[in-house]
N, C-alpha and C. Protein backbone atom coordinates (compact mmCIF):
# COMPACT_ATOMS: atom_id res chain seq x y z
N UNK A 1 83.99 -5.72 184.96
CA UNK A 1 83.46 -4.77 184.46
C UNK A 1 84.60 -3.98 183.60
N UNK A 2 84.47 -3.83 182.45
CA UNK A 2 85.17 -2.82 181.70
C UNK A 2 84.99 -0.98 181.93
N UNK A 3 86.00 -0.48 182.40
CA UNK A 3 86.34 0.82 182.33
C UNK A 3 87.24 1.44 181.27
N UNK A 4 86.96 2.70 180.84
CA UNK A 4 88.01 3.58 180.12
C UNK A 4 88.34 4.95 180.92
N UNK A 5 89.64 5.25 180.60
CA UNK A 5 89.64 6.59 181.39
C UNK A 5 90.39 7.15 179.96
N UNK A 6 89.84 8.30 179.77
CA UNK A 6 90.65 9.31 178.66
C UNK A 6 90.25 10.89 179.13
N UNK A 7 90.98 11.23 178.22
CA UNK A 7 90.93 13.16 178.59
C UNK A 7 89.34 13.51 179.13
N UNK A 8 88.05 12.99 177.89
CA UNK A 8 86.82 13.14 178.09
C UNK A 8 86.21 12.56 178.94
N UNK A 9 86.57 11.42 179.65
CA UNK A 9 85.86 10.28 180.66
C UNK A 9 86.91 10.02 181.88
N UNK A 10 87.05 10.82 182.86
CA UNK A 10 87.52 10.13 184.18
C UNK A 10 86.62 9.84 185.12
N UNK A 11 86.50 8.55 185.44
CA UNK A 11 85.76 7.74 186.52
C UNK A 11 86.01 8.06 187.62
N UNK A 12 85.23 7.92 188.66
CA UNK A 12 85.50 8.65 189.98
C UNK A 12 86.97 7.41 190.09
N UNK A 13 87.90 8.08 191.36
CA UNK A 13 88.90 7.04 191.87
C UNK A 13 88.37 6.16 192.57
N UNK A 14 87.40 5.98 193.28
CA UNK A 14 86.96 5.09 194.00
C UNK A 14 86.26 3.87 193.64
N UNK A 15 85.71 4.48 192.16
CA UNK A 15 85.15 3.44 191.00
C UNK A 15 86.58 2.22 190.42
N UNK A 16 87.42 3.19 190.16
CA UNK A 16 88.69 2.53 189.48
C UNK A 16 89.50 1.67 191.14
N UNK A 17 89.45 1.94 192.02
CA UNK A 17 90.34 1.44 193.17
C UNK A 17 89.23 0.48 193.34
N UNK A 18 87.96 0.06 193.50
CA UNK A 18 87.38 -0.91 193.63
C UNK A 18 86.94 -2.04 192.71
N UNK A 19 87.76 -1.92 191.72
CA UNK A 19 88.00 -2.86 190.80
C UNK A 19 89.03 -3.94 191.07
N UNK A 20 88.89 -5.23 190.45
CA UNK A 20 89.78 -6.57 190.75
C UNK A 20 89.60 -7.23 189.83
N UNK A 21 89.79 -8.56 190.02
CA UNK A 21 89.91 -9.90 189.42
C UNK A 21 88.73 -9.84 188.36
N UNK A 22 89.26 -10.09 186.97
CA UNK A 22 88.29 -9.90 185.82
C UNK A 22 87.68 -8.54 185.38
N UNK A 23 88.15 -7.13 185.98
CA UNK A 23 88.11 -6.63 185.70
C UNK A 23 88.99 -6.04 184.70
N UNK A 24 88.58 -5.09 183.59
CA UNK A 24 89.29 -4.20 182.67
C UNK A 24 89.63 -2.75 182.75
N UNK A 25 90.86 -2.22 182.60
CA UNK A 25 90.62 -0.66 182.41
C UNK A 25 91.49 -0.57 181.43
N UNK A 26 91.07 0.28 180.35
CA UNK A 26 91.51 0.68 179.45
C UNK A 26 92.15 2.26 179.30
N UNK A 27 93.01 2.76 179.43
CA UNK A 27 93.53 4.12 179.34
C UNK A 27 94.29 4.85 178.17
N UNK A 28 93.54 5.68 178.21
CA UNK A 28 94.22 6.77 176.64
C UNK A 28 95.40 7.02 177.21
N UNK A 29 96.11 6.47 175.59
CA UNK A 29 97.75 6.94 175.60
C UNK A 29 97.79 8.23 176.05
N UNK A 30 97.09 8.95 176.31
CA UNK A 30 97.47 10.79 175.80
C UNK A 30 96.74 11.46 177.37
N UNK A 31 96.09 10.25 178.18
CA UNK A 31 95.66 10.99 179.59
C UNK A 31 96.58 11.20 180.68
N UNK A 32 97.64 11.08 180.49
CA UNK A 32 98.96 11.23 181.69
C UNK A 32 98.98 12.48 181.53
N UNK A 33 98.88 13.42 180.65
CA UNK A 33 98.64 14.86 180.66
C UNK A 33 97.92 15.71 181.82
N UNK A 34 97.01 14.87 182.26
CA UNK A 34 95.97 15.40 183.12
C UNK A 34 96.56 15.64 184.37
N UNK A 35 96.16 16.71 184.87
CA UNK A 35 96.67 17.48 186.43
C UNK A 35 96.39 16.25 187.58
N UNK A 36 95.46 15.01 187.38
CA UNK A 36 95.01 14.33 188.36
C UNK A 36 96.04 12.80 188.11
N UNK A 37 96.60 12.91 186.88
CA UNK A 37 97.36 11.69 186.66
C UNK A 37 98.15 10.77 187.82
N UNK A 38 98.59 11.54 188.88
CA UNK A 38 99.14 10.80 189.98
C UNK A 38 98.02 9.98 191.01
N UNK A 39 97.10 10.89 190.71
CA UNK A 39 96.11 9.80 191.92
C UNK A 39 95.37 8.97 191.05
N UNK A 40 95.43 9.04 189.57
CA UNK A 40 94.79 8.01 188.90
C UNK A 40 95.84 6.53 188.90
N UNK A 41 97.18 6.91 188.87
CA UNK A 41 97.76 5.88 188.76
C UNK A 41 97.80 4.96 190.07
N UNK A 42 97.70 5.83 191.02
CA UNK A 42 97.59 5.01 192.28
C UNK A 42 96.40 4.41 192.44
N UNK A 43 95.07 4.82 191.62
CA UNK A 43 93.87 4.22 191.73
C UNK A 43 94.20 2.47 191.11
N UNK A 44 94.93 3.12 189.96
CA UNK A 44 95.51 1.91 189.08
C UNK A 44 95.94 0.88 189.81
N UNK A 45 96.91 1.45 190.25
CA UNK A 45 97.78 0.21 191.35
C UNK A 45 96.90 -0.58 192.32
N UNK A 46 96.20 0.16 193.30
CA UNK A 46 95.04 -0.87 193.92
C UNK A 46 94.29 -1.76 193.10
N UNK A 47 93.69 -1.20 192.04
CA UNK A 47 92.97 -2.30 191.09
C UNK A 47 93.97 -3.23 190.73
N UNK A 48 95.07 -3.35 190.47
CA UNK A 48 96.12 -4.42 189.84
C UNK A 48 96.21 -5.20 190.95
N UNK A 49 96.34 -4.65 192.01
CA UNK A 49 96.82 -5.50 193.33
C UNK A 49 95.57 -6.38 193.53
N UNK A 50 94.63 -6.17 193.29
CA UNK A 50 93.41 -6.62 193.45
C UNK A 50 93.03 -7.86 192.32
N UNK A 51 94.10 -7.62 190.95
CA UNK A 51 93.65 -8.76 190.06
C UNK A 51 93.04 -7.95 188.63
N UNK A 52 92.68 -6.53 188.71
CA UNK A 52 92.32 -5.98 187.77
C UNK A 52 93.62 -5.81 186.50
N UNK A 53 92.98 -5.59 185.21
CA UNK A 53 93.94 -5.70 184.12
C UNK A 53 93.68 -4.46 183.67
N UNK A 54 95.21 -3.84 183.21
CA UNK A 54 95.08 -2.14 182.83
C UNK A 54 96.24 -2.22 181.48
N UNK A 55 95.30 -1.60 180.55
CA UNK A 55 95.92 -1.68 179.03
C UNK A 55 95.95 -0.38 178.78
N UNK A 56 96.96 -0.03 177.90
CA UNK A 56 96.87 1.38 177.32
C UNK A 56 96.87 1.42 175.99
N UNK A 57 95.77 2.01 175.48
CA UNK A 57 95.30 2.01 174.17
C UNK A 57 95.05 3.37 173.15
N UNK A 58 94.76 3.39 172.27
CA UNK A 58 94.59 4.89 171.65
C UNK A 58 92.85 4.62 171.48
N UNK A 59 92.34 5.33 172.52
CA UNK A 59 90.53 5.24 172.62
C UNK A 59 90.29 5.85 171.20
N UNK A 60 90.68 6.79 170.61
CA UNK A 60 90.01 7.20 169.36
C UNK A 60 89.91 6.07 168.12
N UNK A 61 90.70 4.96 168.51
CA UNK A 61 90.49 3.86 167.45
C UNK A 61 89.63 2.79 167.87
N UNK A 62 89.07 2.95 169.02
CA UNK A 62 87.97 1.79 170.08
C UNK A 62 86.77 2.24 169.31
N UNK A 63 86.27 0.96 169.09
CA UNK A 63 84.61 0.82 168.70
C UNK A 63 83.90 1.48 169.76
N UNK A 64 82.84 2.39 169.23
CA UNK A 64 82.03 2.45 170.27
C UNK A 64 80.52 1.80 170.45
N UNK A 65 80.28 1.23 171.31
CA UNK A 65 78.69 0.48 171.35
C UNK A 65 77.98 1.21 172.39
N UNK A 66 76.59 1.66 171.73
CA UNK A 66 75.65 2.34 171.94
C UNK A 66 74.62 1.04 172.81
N UNK A 67 73.92 1.47 173.94
CA UNK A 67 73.20 0.55 174.56
C UNK A 67 71.73 1.31 174.87
């Protein structure tokens, strides 16, 4: 699964914690200013410990795919 964390999209912490091997999380470079950032760091650490990949990106430059 691919998830994105940005100022306009903050997925449920449990959804992030549940990620594991083969999953990818793109974190917007500016999201660390959020009041809940510490909780997201903990959730990302749990996902990384199970094999998820986390990458910091500039979300505004990512293409949007509509389904």
